[in-house]
């Protein structure tokens, strides 16, 4: 995992609680959070795009209720 080039999200403006993404050589997308850098989620670019589109469309706004 150390050979990955991690990029901090432009929406993460604080020193803590930042989201980082990296493109793996196999085409997978890796995600981690600054407070738990050893915990890494793996997804595809298509699934990540679908998640972000759903978030932007408000599909998950009622989950916490």
PDB file of N, CA and C in Angstrom:
ATOM      1  N   UNK A   1       0.824  -1.204   0.000  1.00  0.00           N
ATOM      2  CA  UNK A   1       0.000   0.000   0.000  1.00  0.00           C
ATOM      3  C   UNK A   1       0.863   1.262   0.000  1.00  0.00           C
ATOM      4  N   UNK A   2       2.118   1.128   0.400  1.00  0.00           N
ATOM      5  CA  UNK A   2       2.974   2.311   0.492  1.00  0.00           C
ATOM      6  C   UNK A   2       3.338   2.882  -0.877  1.00  0.00           C
ATOM      7  N   UNK A   3       3.176   2.091  -1.944  1.00  0.00           N
ATOM      8  CA  UNK A   3       3.519   2.590  -3.275  1.00  0.00           C
ATOM      9  C   UNK A   3       2.398   3.398  -3.906  1.00  0.00           C
ATOM     10  N   UNK A   4       1.272   3.514  -3.234  1.00  0.00           N
ATOM     11  CA  UNK A   4       0.149   4.286  -3.752  1.00  0.00           C
ATOM     12  C   UNK A   4       0.368   5.777  -3.523  1.00  0.00           C
ATOM     13  N   UNK A   5      -0.089   6.586  -4.459  1.00  0.00           N
ATOM     14  CA  UNK A   5      -0.019   8.045  -4.307  1.00  0.00           C
ATOM     15  C   UNK A   5      -1.385   8.518  -3.801  1.00  0.00           C
ATOM     16  N   UNK A   6      -1.471   8.818  -2.515  1.00  0.00           N
ATOM     17  CA  UNK A   6      -2.721   9.228  -1.884  1.00  0.00           C
ATOM     18  C   UNK A   6      -2.971  10.707  -2.126  1.00  0.00           C
ATOM     19  N   UNK A   7      -4.210  11.049  -2.401  1.00  0.00           N
ATOM     20  CA  UNK A   7      -4.610  12.444  -2.621  1.00  0.00           C
ATOM     21  C   UNK A   7      -5.737  12.782  -1.643  1.00  0.00           C
ATOM     22  N   UNK A   8      -5.562  13.875  -0.922  1.00  0.00           N
ATOM     23  CA  UNK A   8      -6.579  14.310   0.035  1.00  0.00           C
ATOM     24  C   UNK A   8      -7.739  14.949  -0.710  1.00  0.00           C
ATOM     25  N   UNK A   9      -8.947  14.646  -0.268  1.00  0.00           N
ATOM     26  CA  UNK A   9     -10.133  15.244  -0.860  1.00  0.00           C
ATOM     27  C   UNK A   9     -10.092  16.761  -0.719  1.00  0.00           C
ATOM     28  N   UNK A  10     -10.531  17.456  -1.749  1.00  0.00           N
ATOM     29  CA  UNK A  10     -10.553  18.924  -1.702  1.00  0.00           C
ATOM     30  C   UNK A  10     -11.578  19.436  -0.691  1.00  0.00           C
ATOM     31  N   UNK A  11     -12.506  18.583  -0.270  1.00  0.00           N
ATOM     32  CA  UNK A  11     -13.492  18.971   0.734  1.00  0.00           C
ATOM     33  C   UNK A  11     -12.966  18.785   2.153  1.00  0.00           C
ATOM     34  N   UNK A  12     -11.815  18.145   2.311  1.00  0.00           N
ATOM     35  CA  UNK A  12     -11.208  17.942   3.623  1.00  0.00           C
ATOM     36  C   UNK A  12     -10.288  19.116   3.918  1.00  0.00           C
ATOM     37  N   UNK A  13     -10.768  20.049   4.702  1.00  0.00           N
ATOM     38  CA  UNK A  13      -9.990  21.258   4.981  1.00  0.00           C
ATOM     39  C   UNK A  13      -9.321  21.222   6.346  1.00  0.00           C
ATOM     40  N   UNK A  14      -9.681  20.280   7.190  1.00  0.00           N
ATOM     41  CA  UNK A  14      -9.101  20.193   8.524  1.00  0.00           C
ATOM     42  C   UNK A  14      -7.914  19.239   8.507  1.00  0.00           C
ATOM     43  N   UNK A  15      -7.144  19.262   9.588  1.00  0.00           N
ATOM     44  CA  UNK A  15      -6.003  18.351   9.703  1.00  0.00           C
ATOM     45  C   UNK A  15      -6.455  16.931  10.029  1.00  0.00           C
ATOM     46  N   UNK A  16      -7.601  16.789  10.678  1.00  0.00           N
ATOM     47  CA  UNK A  16      -8.127  15.471  11.043  1.00  0.00           C
ATOM     48  C   UNK A  16      -9.404  15.201  10.245  1.00  0.00           C
ATOM     49  N   UNK A  17      -9.823  13.958  10.259  1.00  0.00           N
ATOM     50  CA  UNK A  17     -11.058  13.533   9.583  1.00  0.00           C
ATOM     51  C   UNK A  17     -11.041  13.815   8.087  1.00  0.00           C
ATOM     52  N   UNK A  18      -9.920  13.573   7.463  1.00  0.00           N
ATOM     53  CA  UNK A  18      -9.780  13.798   6.025  1.00  0.00           C
ATOM     54  C   UNK A  18      -9.915  12.476   5.271  1.00  0.00           C
ATOM     55  N   UNK A  19     -10.481  12.538   4.098  1.00  0.00           N
ATOM     56  CA  UNK A  19     -10.604  11.375   3.224  1.00  0.00           C
ATOM     57  C   UNK A  19      -9.506  11.445   2.166  1.00  0.00           C
ATOM     58  N   UNK A  20      -8.847  10.318   1.955  1.00  0.00           N
ATOM     59  CA  UNK A  20      -7.802  10.210   0.936  1.00  0.00           C
ATOM     60  C   UNK A  20      -8.196   9.144  -0.068  1.00  0.00           C
ATOM     61  N   UNK A  21      -7.856   9.371  -1.331  1.00  0.00           N
ATOM     62  CA  UNK A  21      -8.108   8.414  -2.407  1.00  0.00           C
ATOM     63  C   UNK A  21      -6.806   8.131  -3.137  1.00  0.00           C
ATOM     64  N   UNK A  22      -6.719   6.910  -3.683  1.00  0.00           N
ATOM     65  CA  UNK A  22      -5.564   6.540  -4.493  1.00  0.00           C
ATOM     66  C   UNK A  22      -6.023   5.579  -5.578  1.00  0.00           C
ATOM     67  N   UNK A  23      -5.412   5.685  -6.727  1.00  0.00           N
ATOM     68  CA  UNK A  23      -5.680   4.759  -7.824  1.00  0.00           C
ATOM     69  C   UNK A  23      -4.641   3.645  -7.756  1.00  0.00           C
ATOM     70  N   UNK A  24      -5.101   2.406  -7.648  1.00  0.00           N
ATOM     71  CA  UNK A  24      -4.202   1.257  -7.587  1.00  0.00           C
ATOM     72  C   UNK A  24      -3.788   0.846  -9.002  1.00  0.00           C
ATOM     73  N   UNK A  25      -2.659   0.177  -9.140  1.00  0.00           N
ATOM     74  CA  UNK A  25      -2.203  -0.258 -10.462  1.00  0.00           C
ATOM     75  C   UNK A  25      -3.202  -1.164 -11.192  1.00  0.00           C
ATOM     76  N   UNK A  26      -4.020  -1.901 -10.445  1.00  0.00           N
ATOM     77  CA  UNK A  26      -5.002  -2.795 -11.074  1.00  0.00           C
ATOM     78  C   UNK A  26      -6.282  -2.070 -11.480  1.00  0.00           C
ATOM     79  N   UNK A  27      -6.333  -0.749 -11.301  1.00  0.00           N
ATOM     80  CA  UNK A  27      -7.505   0.040 -11.675  1.00  0.00           C
ATOM     81  C   UNK A  27      -8.481   0.271 -10.546  1.00  0.00           C
ATOM     82  N   UNK A  28      -8.274  -0.372  -9.406  1.00  0.00           N
ATOM     83  CA  UNK A  28      -9.157  -0.185  -8.251  1.00  0.00           C
ATOM     84  C   UNK A  28      -8.931   1.194  -7.641  1.00  0.00           C
ATOM     85  N   UNK A  29      -9.945   1.672  -6.944  1.00  0.00           N
ATOM     86  CA  UNK A  29      -9.855   2.929  -6.206  1.00  0.00           C
ATOM     87  C   UNK A  29      -9.781   2.581  -4.728  1.00  0.00           C
ATOM     88  N   UNK A  30      -8.806   3.132  -4.045  1.00  0.00           N
ATOM     89  CA  UNK A  30      -8.606   2.908  -2.611  1.00  0.00           C
ATOM     90  C   UNK A  30      -9.008   4.164  -1.861  1.00  0.00           C
ATOM     91  N   UNK A  31      -9.697   3.984  -0.738  1.00  0.00           N
ATOM     92  CA  UNK A  31     -10.118   5.105   0.105  1.00  0.00           C
ATOM     93  C   UNK A  31      -9.688   4.832   1.537  1.00  0.00           C
ATOM     94  N   UNK A  32      -9.254   5.875   2.225  1.00  0.00           N
ATOM     95  CA  UNK A  32      -8.928   5.759   3.642  1.00  0.00           C
ATOM     96  C   UNK A  32      -9.255   7.077   4.335  1.00  0.00           C
ATOM     97  N   UNK A  33      -9.318   7.012   5.653  1.00  0.00           N
ATOM     98  CA  UNK A  33      -9.632   8.176   6.473  1.00  0.00           C
ATOM     99  C   UNK A  33      -8.409   8.482   7.313  1.00  0.00           C
ATOM    100  N   UNK A  34      -8.101   9.748   7.526  1.00  0.00           N
ATOM    101  CA  UNK A  34      -6.851  10.135   8.174  1.00  0.00           C
ATOM    102  C   UNK A  34      -6.704   9.593   9.592  1.00  0.00           C
ATOM    103  N   UNK A  35      -7.791   9.404  10.313  1.00  0.00           N
ATOM    104  CA  UNK A  35      -7.708   8.900  11.678  1.00  0.00           C
ATOM    105  C   UNK A  35      -7.424   7.402  11.740  1.00  0.00           C
ATOM    106  N   UNK A  36      -7.682   6.668  10.644  1.00  0.00           N
ATOM    107  CA  UNK A  36      -7.444   5.218  10.584  1.00  0.00           C
ATOM    108  C   UNK A  36      -6.780   4.875   9.252  1.00  0.00           C
ATOM    109  N   UNK A  37      -5.548   5.323   9.032  1.00  0.00           N
ATOM    110  CA  UNK A  37      -4.920   5.158   7.722  1.00  0.00           C
ATOM    111  C   UNK A  37      -4.660   3.704   7.316  1.00  0.00           C
ATOM    112  N   UNK A  38      -4.669   2.779   8.272  1.00  0.00           N
ATOM    113  CA  UNK A  38      -4.449   1.375   7.931  1.00  0.00           C
ATOM    114  C   UNK A  38      -5.727   0.668   7.501  1.00  0.00           C
ATOM    115  N   UNK A  39      -6.871   1.312   7.664  1.00  0.00           N
ATOM    116  CA  UNK A  39      -8.143   0.767   7.206  1.00  0.00           C
ATOM    117  C   UNK A  39      -8.424   1.341   5.825  1.00  0.00           C
ATOM    118  N   UNK A  40      -8.406   0.482   4.826  1.00  0.00           N
ATOM    119  CA  UNK A  40      -8.538   0.923   3.437  1.00  0.00           C
ATOM    120  C   UNK A  40      -9.715   0.210   2.778  1.00  0.00           C
ATOM    121  N   UNK A  41     -10.583   0.964   2.155  1.00  0.00           N
ATOM    122  CA  UNK A  41     -11.691   0.422   1.387  1.00  0.00           C
ATOM    123  C   UNK A  41     -11.284   0.377  -0.081  1.00  0.00           C
ATOM    124  N   UNK A  42     -11.731  -0.641  -0.782  1.00  0.00           N
ATOM    125  CA  UNK A  42     -11.426  -0.786  -2.198  1.00  0.00           C
ATOM    126  C   UNK A  42     -12.722  -0.825  -2.989  1.00  0.00           C
ATOM    127  N   UNK A  43     -12.771  -0.080  -4.076  1.00  0.00           N
ATOM    128  CA  UNK A  43     -13.949  -0.042  -4.931  1.00  0.00           C
ATOM    129  C   UNK A  43     -13.503   0.174  -6.379  1.00  0.00           C
ATOM    130  N   UNK A  44     -14.466   0.289  -7.254  1.00  0.00           N
ATOM    131  CA  UNK A  44     -14.164   0.597  -8.655  1.00  0.00           C
ATOM    132  C   UNK A  44     -14.538   2.047  -8.920  1.00  0.00           C
ATOM    133  N   UNK A  45     -14.020   2.594 -10.001  1.00  0.00           N
ATOM    134  CA  UNK A  45     -14.356   3.981 -10.325  1.00  0.00           C
ATOM    135  C   UNK A  45     -15.847   4.118 -10.639  1.00  0.00           C
ATOM    136  N   UNK A  46     -16.442   3.136 -11.282  1.00  0.00           N
ATOM    137  CA  UNK A  46     -17.871   3.191 -11.589  1.00  0.00           C
ATOM    138  C   UNK A  46     -18.741   3.178 -10.344  1.00  0.00           C
ATOM    139  N   UNK A  47     -18.403   2.330  -9.395  1.00  0.00           N
ATOM    140  CA  UNK A  47     -19.174   2.282  -8.143  1.00  0.00           C
ATOM    141  C   UNK A  47     -18.999   3.559  -7.331  1.00  0.00           C
ATOM    142  N   UNK A  48     -17.790   4.111  -7.331  1.00  0.00           N
ATOM    143  CA  UNK A  48     -17.562   5.367  -6.615  1.00  0.00           C
ATOM    144  C   UNK A  48     -18.347   6.499  -7.266  1.00  0.00           C
ATOM    145  N   UNK A  49     -18.368   6.555  -8.598  1.00  0.00           N
ATOM    146  CA  UNK A  49     -19.172   7.570  -9.298  1.00  0.00           C
ATOM    147  C   UNK A  49     -20.643   7.429  -8.957  1.00  0.00           C
ATOM    148  N   UNK A  50     -21.154   6.190  -8.896  1.00  0.00           N
ATOM    149  CA  UNK A  50     -22.562   5.960  -8.563  1.00  0.00           C
ATOM    150  C   UNK A  50     -22.864   6.413  -7.133  1.00  0.00           C
ATOM    151  N   UNK A  51     -21.967   6.131  -6.203  1.00  0.00           N
ATOM    152  CA  UNK A  51     -22.152   6.575  -4.820  1.00  0.00           C
ATOM    153  C   UNK A  51     -22.186   8.098  -4.746  1.00  0.00           C
ATOM    154  N   UNK A  52     -21.232   8.754  -5.383  1.00  0.00           N
ATOM    155  CA  UNK A  52     -21.187  10.221  -5.341  1.00  0.00           C
ATOM    156  C   UNK A  52     -22.414  10.837  -6.003  1.00  0.00           C
ATOM    157  N   UNK A  53     -22.874  10.251  -7.089  1.00  0.00           N
ATOM    158  CA  UNK A  53     -24.088  10.756  -7.745  1.00  0.00           C
ATOM    159  C   UNK A  53     -25.284  10.612  -6.814  1.00  0.00           C
ATOM    160  N   UNK A  54     -25.375   9.493  -6.102  1.00  0.00           N
ATOM    161  CA  UNK A  54     -26.463   9.299  -5.151  1.00  0.00           C
ATOM    162  C   UNK A  54     -26.413  10.275  -3.997  1.00  0.00           C
ATOM    163  N   UNK A  55     -25.220  10.541  -3.497  1.00  0.00           N
ATOM    164  CA  UNK A  55     -25.058  11.519  -2.412  1.00  0.00           C
ATOM    165  C   UNK A  55     -25.494  12.901  -2.888  1.00  0.00           C
ATOM    166  N   UNK A  56     -25.026  13.287  -4.075  1.00  0.00           N
ATOM    167  CA  UNK A  56     -25.395  14.600  -4.617  1.00  0.00           C
ATOM    168  C   UNK A  56     -26.886  14.715  -4.880  1.00  0.00           C
ATOM    169  N   UNK A  57     -27.525  13.599  -5.228  1.00  0.00           N
ATOM    170  CA  UNK A  57     -28.964  13.610  -5.517  1.00  0.00           C
ATOM    171  C   UNK A  57     -29.809  13.509  -4.252  1.00  0.00           C
ATOM    172  N   UNK A  58     -29.167  13.346  -3.094  1.00  0.00           N
ATOM    173  CA  UNK A  58     -29.907  13.290  -1.839  1.00  0.00           C
ATOM    174  C   UNK A  58     -30.481  11.923  -1.512  1.00  0.00           C
ATOM    175  N   UNK A  59     -30.026  10.879  -2.181  1.00  0.00           N
ATOM    176  CA  UNK A  59     -30.571   9.543  -1.967  1.00  0.00           C
ATOM    177  C   UNK A  59     -30.337   9.005  -0.556  1.00  0.00           C
ATOM    178  N   UNK A  60     -29.374   9.542   0.160  1.00  0.00           N
ATOM    179  CA  UNK A  60     -29.039   9.034   1.479  1.00  0.00           C
ATOM    180  C   UNK A  60     -29.376   9.995   2.607  1.00  0.00           C
ATOM    181  N   UNK A  61     -30.119  11.036   2.304  1.00  0.00           N
ATOM    182  CA  UNK A  61     -30.422  12.059   3.296  1.00  0.00           C
ATOM    183  C   UNK A  61     -31.251  11.547   4.469  1.00  0.00           C
ATOM    184  N   UNK A  62     -32.055  10.525   4.266  1.00  0.00           N
ATOM    185  CA  UNK A  62     -32.930  10.030   5.329  1.00  0.00           C
ATOM    186  C   UNK A  62     -32.372   8.835   6.077  1.00  0.00           C
ATOM    187  N   UNK A  63     -31.159   8.416   5.798  1.00  0.00           N
ATOM    188  CA  UNK A  63     -30.592   7.219   6.437  1.00  0.00           C
ATOM    189  C   UNK A  63     -30.455   7.388   7.939  1.00  0.00           C
ATOM    190  N   UNK A  64     -30.030   8.532   8.422  1.00  0.00           N
ATOM    191  CA  UNK A  64     -29.781   8.743   9.840  1.00  0.00           C
ATOM    192  C   UNK A  64     -31.059   8.930  10.649  1.00  0.00           C
ATOM    193  N   UNK A  65     -32.180   9.051   9.993  1.00  0.00           N
ATOM    194  CA  UNK A  65     -33.429   9.298  10.718  1.00  0.00           C
ATOM    195  C   UNK A  65     -34.073   8.027  11.169  1.00  0.00           C
TER     196      UNK A  65
END
